[in-house]
Amino acid sequence: MRLIDEIMNEIKDVMDKLDESQLEKAMDLLSKDNAIFVDGEGRSGFQARGFAMRLMHIGYQPYVMGETITPALKQNQVYVAISGSGKTKNTVSNTAAAKKLGLKVIAVTSKEESELAKLADCVIKVPGRVKGDQGNTSIQLLSSLFDQSVHIVLDELCLMLSRRDHVSDEMAAGNHVNVE
């Protein structure tokens, strides 16, 4: 078997375990009327940025925590925090502060019992292996399986939002940067 086939099989195994009702609950919190703040460290941060970009394409107001243009957090906005372990120090600390300010929290993690998940109004469990997992096998390094799976799950969430909001591919393309 080719290595890529093994990786794809691992991702499929994670997707088979995904509870799509969690995505539906997350959809209930997401609206074009409120800003959406995304947060994550390392590769989870890259997934957060990709999610923010796609949200922008479909007409939402996303912001990435730590960027210079990110405005102040306000009550009733939405905070999406990504951490495979659910215990990444900065992510958990920022999420706790957002929760205290009255934001709705969506946690994307592989650990439903984690500190991050306990802060959340909605948890999207992506059961891919993360760094430090014992007995949860993956041929891939560190948290690669979680990271890859999060990308797919958040793209699915954006597709669900676009269908709910009647945003076509052509409409999304109108918000895509074109520098030709």
N, C-alpha and C. Protein backbone atom coordinates (compact mmCIF):
# COMPACT_ATOMS: atom_id res chain seq x y z
N MET A 1 0.84 -1.18 0.00
CA MET A 1 0.00 0.00 0.00
C MET A 1 0.89 1.25 0.00
N ARG A 2 0.50 2.22 -0.81
CA ARG A 2 1.25 3.47 -0.84
C ARG A 2 1.03 4.24 0.46
N LEU A 3 2.03 5.02 0.83
CA LEU A 3 1.97 5.80 2.06
C LEU A 3 0.79 6.75 2.05
N ILE A 4 0.53 7.40 0.91
CA ILE A 4 -0.59 8.34 0.83
C ILE A 4 -1.92 7.63 1.06
N ASP A 5 -2.03 6.38 0.62
CA ASP A 5 -3.26 5.61 0.85
C ASP A 5 -3.45 5.34 2.34
N GLU A 6 -2.36 5.08 3.06
CA GLU A 6 -2.44 4.87 4.50
C GLU A 6 -2.89 6.15 5.20
N ILE A 7 -2.35 7.29 4.77
CA ILE A 7 -2.75 8.57 5.36
C ILE A 7 -4.23 8.83 5.09
N MET A 8 -4.66 8.61 3.86
CA MET A 8 -6.07 8.83 3.52
C MET A 8 -6.99 7.90 4.32
N ASN A 9 -6.55 6.66 4.53
CA ASN A 9 -7.35 5.73 5.34
C ASN A 9 -7.47 6.22 6.78
N GLU A 10 -6.39 6.78 7.32
CA GLU A 10 -6.46 7.33 8.68
C GLU A 10 -7.45 8.48 8.75
N ILE A 11 -7.40 9.37 7.77
CA ILE A 11 -8.33 10.51 7.75
C ILE A 11 -9.77 10.00 7.63
N LYS A 12 -9.98 9.00 6.78
CA LYS A 12 -11.33 8.44 6.63
C LYS A 12 -11.82 7.84 7.94
N ASP A 13 -10.94 7.18 8.67
CA ASP A 13 -11.32 6.62 9.97
C ASP A 13 -11.78 7.71 10.93
N VAL A 14 -11.08 8.84 10.94
CA VAL A 14 -11.48 9.97 11.79
C VAL A 14 -12.84 10.49 11.34
N MET A 15 -13.01 10.68 10.04
CA MET A 15 -14.28 11.22 9.52
C MET A 15 -15.45 10.28 9.83
N ASP A 16 -15.20 8.99 9.81
CA ASP A 16 -16.25 8.02 10.14
C ASP A 16 -16.73 8.17 11.58
N LYS A 17 -15.87 8.69 12.46
CA LYS A 17 -16.20 8.86 13.88
C LYS A 17 -16.79 10.24 14.18
N LEU A 18 -16.77 11.15 13.22
CA LEU A 18 -17.25 12.51 13.43
C LEU A 18 -18.75 12.52 13.66
N ASP A 19 -19.18 13.23 14.67
CA ASP A 19 -20.61 13.40 14.97
C ASP A 19 -21.06 14.70 14.29
N GLU A 20 -21.71 14.58 13.15
CA GLU A 20 -22.10 15.76 12.38
C GLU A 20 -23.13 16.63 13.10
N SER A 21 -23.82 16.07 14.10
CA SER A 21 -24.75 16.91 14.86
C SER A 21 -24.00 18.01 15.61
N GLN A 22 -22.73 17.79 15.90
CA GLN A 22 -21.93 18.84 16.54
C GLN A 22 -21.73 20.02 15.59
N LEU A 23 -21.59 19.73 14.31
CA LEU A 23 -21.47 20.81 13.32
C LEU A 23 -22.78 21.58 13.21
N GLU A 24 -23.89 20.89 13.31
CA GLU A 24 -25.19 21.56 13.28
C GLU A 24 -25.36 22.48 14.48
N LYS A 25 -24.88 22.05 15.65
CA LYS A 25 -24.94 22.91 16.85
C LYS A 25 -24.05 24.13 16.67
N ALA A 26 -22.89 23.94 16.07
CA ALA A 26 -21.99 25.07 15.81
C ALA A 26 -22.65 26.05 14.84
N MET A 27 -23.34 25.53 13.84
CA MET A 27 -24.04 26.40 12.87
C MET A 27 -25.03 27.31 13.57
N ASP A 28 -25.70 26.80 14.60
CA ASP A 28 -26.69 27.60 15.32
C ASP A 28 -26.06 28.82 15.98
N LEU A 29 -24.76 28.76 16.27
CA LEU A 29 -24.07 29.87 16.93
C LEU A 29 -23.48 30.87 15.93
N LEU A 30 -23.36 30.46 14.67
CA LEU A 30 -22.68 31.28 13.67
C LEU A 30 -23.69 32.05 12.82
N SER A 31 -23.47 33.36 12.76
CA SER A 31 -24.35 34.23 12.01
C SER A 31 -23.54 35.36 11.38
N LYS A 32 -24.04 35.87 10.29
CA LYS A 32 -23.36 36.99 9.62
C LYS A 32 -23.52 38.29 10.40
N ASP A 33 -24.38 38.29 11.40
CA ASP A 33 -24.62 39.48 12.21
C ASP A 33 -23.55 39.71 13.28
N ASN A 34 -22.78 38.69 13.61
CA ASN A 34 -21.78 38.79 14.67
C ASN A 34 -20.40 38.43 14.17
N ALA A 35 -19.41 39.11 14.70
CA ALA A 35 -18.02 38.78 14.39
C ALA A 35 -17.69 37.40 14.95
N ILE A 36 -16.77 36.72 14.26
CA ILE A 36 -16.30 35.40 14.67
C ILE A 36 -14.79 35.50 14.84
N PHE A 37 -14.32 35.15 16.02
CA PHE A 37 -12.89 35.20 16.32
C PHE A 37 -12.36 33.77 16.35
N VAL A 38 -11.23 33.54 15.69
CA VAL A 38 -10.64 32.20 15.67
C VAL A 38 -9.29 32.25 16.37
N ASP A 39 -8.94 31.14 17.01
CA ASP A 39 -7.72 31.08 17.80
C ASP A 39 -7.15 29.67 17.76
N GLY A 40 -5.84 29.60 17.81
CA GLY A 40 -5.12 28.34 17.88
C GLY A 40 -3.64 28.60 17.79
N GLU A 41 -2.85 27.72 18.33
CA GLU A 41 -1.40 27.84 18.30
C GLU A 41 -0.83 26.84 17.29
N GLY A 42 0.33 27.14 16.76
CA GLY A 42 1.02 26.21 15.86
C GLY A 42 0.17 25.83 14.66
N ARG A 43 0.15 24.54 14.34
CA ARG A 43 -0.61 24.08 13.19
C ARG A 43 -2.12 24.25 13.39
N SER A 44 -2.58 24.20 14.63
CA SER A 44 -3.99 24.50 14.89
C SER A 44 -4.30 25.95 14.51
N GLY A 45 -3.34 26.83 14.72
CA GLY A 45 -3.50 28.23 14.32
C GLY A 45 -3.61 28.37 12.82
N PHE A 46 -2.85 27.57 12.08
CA PHE A 46 -2.96 27.59 10.62
C PHE A 46 -4.36 27.14 10.19
N GLN A 47 -4.90 26.12 10.86
CA GLN A 47 -6.25 25.65 10.54
C GLN A 47 -7.26 26.75 10.84
N ALA A 48 -7.06 27.47 11.95
CA ALA A 48 -7.95 28.56 12.32
C ALA A 48 -7.94 29.65 11.24
N ARG A 49 -6.75 29.97 10.74
CA ARG A 49 -6.63 30.99 9.70
C ARG A 49 -7.32 30.56 8.41
N GLY A 50 -7.16 29.30 8.05
CA GLY A 50 -7.84 28.79 6.86
C GLY A 50 -9.35 28.85 7.01
N PHE A 51 -9.84 28.53 8.20
CA PHE A 51 -11.27 28.60 8.49
C PHE A 51 -11.76 30.04 8.39
N ALA A 52 -11.01 30.98 8.97
CA ALA A 52 -11.38 32.40 8.90
C ALA A 52 -11.46 32.87 7.45
N MET A 53 -10.50 32.45 6.66
CA MET A 53 -10.48 32.86 5.25
C MET A 53 -11.73 32.36 4.52
N ARG A 54 -12.08 31.10 4.74
CA ARG A 54 -13.26 30.56 4.06
C ARG A 54 -14.53 31.22 4.58
N LEU A 55 -14.59 31.52 5.88
CA LEU A 55 -15.76 32.25 6.41
C LEU A 55 -15.91 33.59 5.71
N MET A 56 -14.79 34.29 5.50
CA MET A 56 -14.82 35.57 4.80
C MET A 56 -15.36 35.39 3.38
N HIS A 57 -14.93 34.32 2.72
CA HIS A 57 -15.39 34.07 1.35
C HIS A 57 -16.90 33.92 1.27
N ILE A 58 -17.51 33.37 2.32
CA ILE A 58 -18.96 33.13 2.29
C ILE A 58 -19.74 34.23 3.01
N GLY A 59 -19.06 35.35 3.31
CA GLY A 59 -19.77 36.53 3.77
C GLY A 59 -19.81 36.79 5.26
N TYR A 60 -18.99 36.10 6.03
CA TYR A 60 -18.95 36.31 7.48
C TYR A 60 -17.89 37.34 7.84
N GLN A 61 -17.84 37.73 9.13
CA GLN A 61 -16.89 38.71 9.64
C GLN A 61 -15.88 38.01 10.57
N PRO A 62 -14.91 37.28 10.02
CA PRO A 62 -13.96 36.57 10.88
C PRO A 62 -12.73 37.41 11.21
N TYR A 63 -12.17 37.14 12.36
CA TYR A 63 -10.93 37.77 12.79
C TYR A 63 -10.04 36.70 13.41
N VAL A 64 -8.73 36.86 13.22
CA VAL A 64 -7.75 35.93 13.78
C VAL A 64 -7.14 36.59 15.02
N MET A 65 -7.21 35.91 16.13
CA MET A 65 -6.64 36.44 17.37
C MET A 65 -5.14 36.68 17.18
N GLY A 66 -4.70 37.81 17.70
CA GLY A 66 -3.28 38.15 17.63
C GLY A 66 -2.91 39.00 16.44
N GLU A 67 -3.80 39.14 15.47
CA GLU A 67 -3.52 39.99 14.32
C GLU A 67 -3.75 41.45 14.69
N THR A 68 -3.05 42.35 14.04
CA THR A 68 -3.13 43.77 14.39
C THR A 68 -4.49 44.39 14.10
N ILE A 69 -5.25 43.83 13.18
CA ILE A 69 -6.55 44.42 12.82
C ILE A 69 -7.72 43.79 13.57
N THR A 70 -7.44 42.90 14.50
CA THR A 70 -8.50 42.23 15.25
C THR A 70 -9.09 43.19 16.28
N PRO A 71 -10.41 43.45 16.21
CA PRO A 71 -11.03 44.38 17.16
C PRO A 71 -11.24 43.74 18.53
N ALA A 72 -11.71 44.55 19.45
CA ALA A 72 -12.02 44.06 20.80
C ALA A 72 -13.17 43.06 20.75
N LEU A 73 -13.11 42.10 21.64
CA LEU A 73 -14.17 41.11 21.77
C LEU A 73 -15.36 41.74 22.49
N LYS A 74 -16.58 41.36 22.06
CA LYS A 74 -17.78 41.88 22.68
C LYS A 74 -18.78 40.76 22.92
N GLN A 75 -19.61 40.98 23.90
CA GLN A 75 -20.63 40.02 24.28
C GLN A 75 -21.44 39.56 23.07
N ASN A 76 -21.80 38.29 23.07
CA ASN A 76 -22.63 37.64 22.05
C ASN A 76 -21.94 37.38 20.73
N GLN A 77 -20.65 37.74 20.61
CA GLN A 77 -19.91 37.34 19.43
C GLN A 77 -19.50 35.87 19.62
N VAL A 78 -18.80 35.31 18.64
CA VAL A 78 -18.45 33.90 18.68
C VAL A 78 -16.93 33.74 18.68
N TYR A 79 -16.46 32.81 19.50
CA TYR A 79 -15.04 32.53 19.63
C TYR A 79 -14.83 31.06 19.28
N VAL A 80 -14.02 30.79 18.26
CA VAL A 80 -13.72 29.41 17.85
C VAL A 80 -12.27 29.12 18.22
N ALA A 81 -12.08 28.19 19.13
CA ALA A 81 -10.76 27.84 19.62
C ALA A 81 -10.41 26.43 19.18
N ILE A 82 -9.20 26.28 18.63
CA ILE A 82 -8.75 24.98 18.13
C ILE A 82 -7.53 24.53 18.91
N SER A 83 -7.62 23.36 19.52
CA SER A 83 -6.50 22.74 20.22
C SER A 83 -6.76 21.25 20.29
N GLY A 84 -5.88 20.47 19.68
CA GLY A 84 -6.06 19.03 19.69
C GLY A 84 -6.13 18.47 21.10
N SER A 85 -5.20 18.89 21.94
CA SER A 85 -5.15 18.41 23.32
C SER A 85 -6.20 19.07 24.20
N GLY A 86 -6.65 20.25 23.81
CA GLY A 86 -7.59 21.00 24.62
C GLY A 86 -6.95 21.64 25.83
N LYS A 87 -5.62 21.66 25.85
CA LYS A 87 -4.93 22.25 27.00
C LYS A 87 -3.81 23.21 26.60
N THR A 88 -3.78 23.64 25.35
CA THR A 88 -2.78 24.60 24.91
C THR A 88 -2.96 25.89 25.73
N LYS A 89 -1.91 26.27 26.44
CA LYS A 89 -2.01 27.33 27.45
C LYS A 89 -2.63 28.63 26.92
N ASN A 90 -2.07 29.21 25.87
CA ASN A 90 -2.59 30.48 25.35
C ASN A 90 -4.01 30.35 24.83
N THR A 91 -4.30 29.27 24.15
CA THR A 91 -5.63 29.07 23.60
C THR A 91 -6.67 28.96 24.71
N VAL A 92 -6.36 28.18 25.73
CA VAL A 92 -7.30 28.01 26.85
C VAL A 92 -7.47 29.34 27.60
N SER A 93 -6.38 30.04 27.83
CA SER A 93 -6.44 31.32 28.54
C SER A 93 -7.27 32.35 27.76
N ASN A 94 -7.02 32.45 26.46
CA ASN A 94 -7.78 33.38 25.62
C ASN A 94 -9.26 33.00 25.59
N THR A 95 -9.53 31.71 25.53
CA THR A 95 -10.92 31.25 25.49
C THR A 95 -11.64 31.56 26.80
N ALA A 96 -10.96 31.37 27.91
CA ALA A 96 -11.55 31.69 29.21
C ALA A 96 -11.88 33.18 29.28
N ALA A 97 -11.00 34.03 28.77
CA ALA A 97 -11.25 35.47 28.76
C ALA A 97 -12.44 35.80 27.87
N ALA A 98 -12.52 35.16 26.71
CA ALA A 98 -13.65 35.39 25.80
C ALA A 98 -14.96 34.95 26.46
N LYS A 99 -14.94 33.83 27.11
CA LYS A 99 -16.14 33.32 27.80
C LYS A 99 -16.58 34.30 28.88
N LYS A 100 -15.61 34.83 29.63
CA LYS A 100 -15.91 35.79 30.70
C LYS A 100 -16.54 37.07 30.14
N LEU A 101 -16.16 37.45 28.93
CA LEU A 101 -16.73 38.63 28.27
C LEU A 101 -18.11 38.38 27.67
N GLY A 102 -18.55 37.13 27.68
CA GLY A 102 -19.88 36.81 27.19
C GLY A 102 -19.95 36.33 25.75
N LEU A 103 -18.81 35.90 25.19
CA LEU A 103 -18.84 35.34 23.84
C LEU A 103 -19.30 33.89 23.89
N LYS A 104 -19.90 33.44 22.81
CA LYS A 104 -20.25 32.03 22.66
C LYS A 104 -19.00 31.31 22.17
N VAL A 105 -18.69 30.17 22.76
CA VAL A 105 -17.45 29.47 22.46
C VAL A 105 -17.71 28.15 21.75
N ILE A 106 -17.01 27.98 20.63
CA ILE A 106 -16.97 26.70 19.93
C ILE A 106 -15.56 26.17 20.07
N ALA A 107 -15.42 24.99 20.67
CA ALA A 107 -14.11 24.36 20.82
C ALA A 107 -13.97 23.24 19.80
N VAL A 108 -12.84 23.23 19.10
CA VAL A 108 -12.52 22.17 18.17
C VAL A 108 -11.33 21.44 18.77
N THR A 109 -11.54 20.19 19.19
CA THR A 109 -10.53 19.45 19.93
C THR A 109 -10.74 17.95 19.76
N SER A 110 -9.73 17.19 20.12
CA SER A 110 -9.90 15.73 20.12
C SER A 110 -10.26 15.23 21.51
N LYS A 111 -10.27 16.13 22.48
CA LYS A 111 -10.46 15.74 23.89
C LYS A 111 -11.70 16.42 24.48
N GLU A 112 -12.81 15.70 24.50
CA GLU A 112 -14.06 16.26 25.03
C GLU A 112 -14.02 16.53 26.53
N GLU A 113 -13.09 15.92 27.23
CA GLU A 113 -12.98 16.11 28.67
C GLU A 113 -11.97 17.19 29.03
N SER A 114 -11.42 17.87 28.05
CA SER A 114 -10.35 18.85 28.28
C SER A 114 -10.86 20.15 28.88
N GLU A 115 -9.91 20.95 29.36
CA GLU A 115 -10.22 22.27 29.91
C GLU A 115 -10.89 23.14 28.86
N LEU A 116 -10.38 23.10 27.63
CA LEU A 116 -10.97 23.89 26.54
C LEU A 116 -12.42 23.49 26.31
N ALA A 117 -12.68 22.20 26.23
CA ALA A 117 -14.04 21.71 25.97
C ALA A 117 -14.99 22.13 27.09
N LYS A 118 -14.51 22.17 28.32
CA LYS A 118 -15.37 22.57 29.44
C LYS A 118 -15.79 24.03 29.36
N LEU A 119 -15.02 24.85 28.68
CA LEU A 119 -15.36 26.27 28.50
C LEU A 119 -16.38 26.49 27.38
N ALA A 120 -16.58 25.49 26.56
CA ALA A 120 -17.33 25.66 25.31
C ALA A 120 -18.83 25.55 25.47
N ASP A 121 -19.53 26.32 24.62
CA ASP A 121 -20.97 26.16 24.46
C ASP A 121 -21.25 25.02 23.48
N CYS A 122 -20.28 24.76 22.63
CA CYS A 122 -20.40 23.70 21.62
C CYS A 122 -19.01 23.12 21.39
N VAL A 123 -18.93 21.80 21.39
CA VAL A 123 -17.67 21.12 21.12
C VAL A 123 -17.78 20.36 19.81
N ILE A 124 -16.80 20.56 18.95
CA ILE A 124 -16.66 19.73 17.75
C ILE A 124 -15.48 18.82 18.02
N LYS A 125 -15.79 17.55 18.26
CA LYS A 125 -14.74 16.58 18.55
C LYS A 125 -14.22 16.01 17.24
N VAL A 126 -12.92 16.22 17.02
CA VAL A 126 -12.23 15.66 15.86
C VAL A 126 -11.25 14.64 16.44
N PRO A 127 -11.62 13.35 16.39
CA PRO A 127 -10.87 12.35 17.14
C PRO A 127 -9.57 11.86 16.49
N GLY A 128 -8.84 12.78 15.90
CA GLY A 128 -7.54 12.42 15.32
C GLY A 128 -6.46 12.44 16.38
N ARG A 129 -5.45 11.62 16.20
CA ARG A 129 -4.33 11.54 17.14
C ARG A 129 -3.65 12.89 17.27
N VAL A 130 -3.31 13.24 18.51
CA VAL A 130 -2.55 14.46 18.77
C VAL A 130 -1.26 14.11 19.49
N LYS A 131 -0.34 15.05 19.47
CA LYS A 131 0.96 14.89 20.11
C LYS A 131 0.76 14.43 21.56
N GLY A 132 1.46 13.40 21.94
CA GLY A 132 1.40 12.91 23.31
C GLY A 132 0.38 11.82 23.54
N ASP A 133 -0.49 11.54 22.57
CA ASP A 133 -1.47 10.46 22.74
C ASP A 133 -0.76 9.13 22.88
N GLN A 134 -1.20 8.35 23.83
CA GLN A 134 -0.67 7.00 24.03
C GLN A 134 -1.73 5.99 23.58
N GLY A 135 -1.32 4.99 22.85
CA GLY A 135 -2.23 3.94 22.44
C GLY A 135 -3.13 4.31 21.27
N ASN A 136 -3.10 5.56 20.84
CA ASN A 136 -3.89 6.00 19.69
C ASN A 136 -2.94 6.07 18.51
N THR A 137 -2.95 5.06 17.69
CA THR A 137 -1.90 4.94 16.68
C THR A 137 -2.19 5.74 15.42
N SER A 138 -1.12 6.24 14.86
CA SER A 138 -1.14 6.90 13.56
C SER A 138 0.26 6.71 12.99
N ILE A 139 0.34 6.55 11.70
CA ILE A 139 1.66 6.45 11.08
C ILE A 139 2.30 7.83 10.96
N GLN A 140 1.48 8.89 11.17
CA GLN A 140 1.95 10.25 10.95
C GLN A 140 2.58 10.85 12.21
N LEU A 141 3.35 11.88 11.99
CA LEU A 141 4.05 12.54 13.08
C LEU A 141 3.12 13.42 13.90
N LEU A 142 3.39 13.47 15.21
CA LEU A 142 2.77 14.40 16.14
C LEU A 142 1.26 14.52 15.93
N SER A 143 0.76 15.71 15.62
CA SER A 143 -0.68 15.95 15.50
C SER A 143 -1.16 16.07 14.06
N SER A 144 -0.39 15.54 13.12
CA SER A 144 -0.75 15.69 11.70
C SER A 144 -2.15 15.19 11.41
N LEU A 145 -2.53 14.05 11.96
CA LEU A 145 -3.85 13.50 11.67
C LEU A 145 -4.95 14.43 12.17
N PHE A 146 -4.79 14.98 13.35
CA PHE A 146 -5.77 15.95 13.87
C PHE A 146 -5.84 17.17 12.96
N ASP A 147 -4.69 17.72 12.61
CA ASP A 147 -4.64 18.94 11.79
C ASP A 147 -5.33 18.74 10.44
N GLN A 148 -5.01 17.65 9.78
CA GLN A 148 -5.60 17.37 8.47
C GLN A 148 -7.12 17.21 8.60
N SER A 149 -7.53 16.51 9.62
CA SER A 149 -8.96 16.24 9.82
C SER A 149 -9.72 17.52 10.17
N VAL A 150 -9.10 18.39 10.99
CA VAL A 150 -9.74 19.67 11.33
C VAL A 150 -9.98 20.49 10.07
N HIS A 151 -9.01 20.53 9.18
CA HIS A 151 -9.18 21.28 7.94
C HIS A 151 -10.43 20.80 7.19
N ILE A 152 -10.57 19.51 7.07
CA ILE A 152 -11.71 18.94 6.35
C ILE A 152 -13.02 19.23 7.09
N VAL A 153 -13.02 19.05 8.40
CA VAL A 153 -14.24 19.27 9.19
C VAL A 153 -14.68 20.73 9.10
N LEU A 154 -13.75 21.67 9.21
CA LEU A 154 -14.13 23.08 9.15
C LEU A 154 -14.53 23.49 7.74
N ASP A 155 -13.96 22.87 6.72
CA ASP A 155 -14.44 23.10 5.36
C ASP A 155 -15.87 22.56 5.20
N GLU A 156 -16.16 21.43 5.82
CA GLU A 156 -17.53 20.91 5.78
C GLU A 156 -18.49 21.88 6.46
N LEU A 157 -18.08 22.42 7.60
CA LEU A 157 -18.92 23.39 8.31
C LEU A 157 -19.18 24.61 7.42
N CYS A 158 -18.17 25.09 6.73
CA CYS A 158 -18.36 26.23 5.82
C CYS A 158 -19.29 25.88 4.67
N LEU A 159 -19.19 24.68 4.16
CA LEU A 159 -20.10 24.26 3.09
C LEU A 159 -21.53 24.21 3.61
N MET A 160 -21.71 23.70 4.82
CA MET A 160 -23.05 23.66 5.43
C MET A 160 -23.60 25.08 5.61
N LEU A 161 -22.74 25.99 6.08
CA LEU A 161 -23.16 27.39 6.25
C LEU A 161 -23.52 28.02 4.91
N SER A 162 -22.71 27.76 3.90
CA SER A 162 -22.98 28.36 2.58
C SER A 162 -24.31 27.85 2.02
N ARG A 163 -24.61 26.60 2.25
CA ARG A 163 -25.89 26.06 1.77
C ARG A 163 -27.05 26.66 2.55
N ARG A 164 -26.87 26.76 3.87
CA ARG A 164 -27.93 27.36 4.70
C ARG A 164 -28.20 28.80 4.27
N ASP A 165 -27.12 29.53 3.98
CA ASP A 165 -27.21 30.95 3.66
C ASP A 165 -27.39 31.22 2.17
N HIS A 166 -27.48 30.17 1.37
CA HIS A 166 -27.66 30.29 -0.08
C HIS A 166 -26.53 31.07 -0.74
N VAL A 167 -25.30 30.72 -0.38
CA VAL A 167 -24.11 31.34 -0.96
C VAL A 167 -23.53 30.35 -1.97
N SER A 168 -23.52 30.74 -3.22
CA SER A 168 -23.01 29.87 -4.27
C SER A 168 -21.49 29.97 -4.37
N ASP A 169 -20.92 29.06 -5.10
CA ASP A 169 -19.48 29.10 -5.36
C ASP A 169 -19.10 30.40 -6.07
N GLU A 170 -19.94 30.83 -6.99
CA GLU A 170 -19.69 32.07 -7.72
C GLU A 170 -19.71 33.27 -6.78
N MET A 171 -20.64 33.27 -5.82
CA MET A 171 -20.71 34.37 -4.85
C MET A 171 -19.46 34.37 -3.97
N ALA A 172 -19.04 33.19 -3.53
CA ALA A 172 -17.83 33.09 -2.71
C ALA A 172 -16.62 33.55 -3.50
N ALA A 173 -16.56 33.21 -4.77
CA ALA A 173 -15.43 33.62 -5.62
C ALA A 173 -15.35 35.14 -5.71
N GLY A 174 -16.46 35.82 -5.58
CA GLY A 174 -16.48 37.28 -5.61
C GLY A 174 -15.76 37.90 -4.42
N ASN A 175 -15.61 37.13 -3.35
CA ASN A 175 -14.88 37.60 -2.17
C ASN A 175 -13.45 37.07 -2.13
N HIS A 176 -13.05 36.35 -3.13
CA HIS A 176 -11.71 35.77 -3.19
C HIS A 176 -10.76 36.77 -3.83
N VAL A 177 -9.58 36.87 -3.27
CA VAL A 177 -8.57 37.81 -3.80
C VAL A 177 -8.16 37.36 -5.20
N ASN A 178 -8.19 38.32 -6.12
CA ASN A 178 -7.77 38.04 -7.49
C ASN A 178 -6.79 39.16 -7.89
N VAL A 179 -5.52 38.83 -7.97
CA VAL A 179 -4.50 39.84 -8.24
C VAL A 179 -3.88 39.69 -9.63
N GLU A 180 -4.60 39.09 -10.53
CA GLU A 180 -4.07 38.91 -11.89
C GLU A 180 -4.02 40.22 -12.63
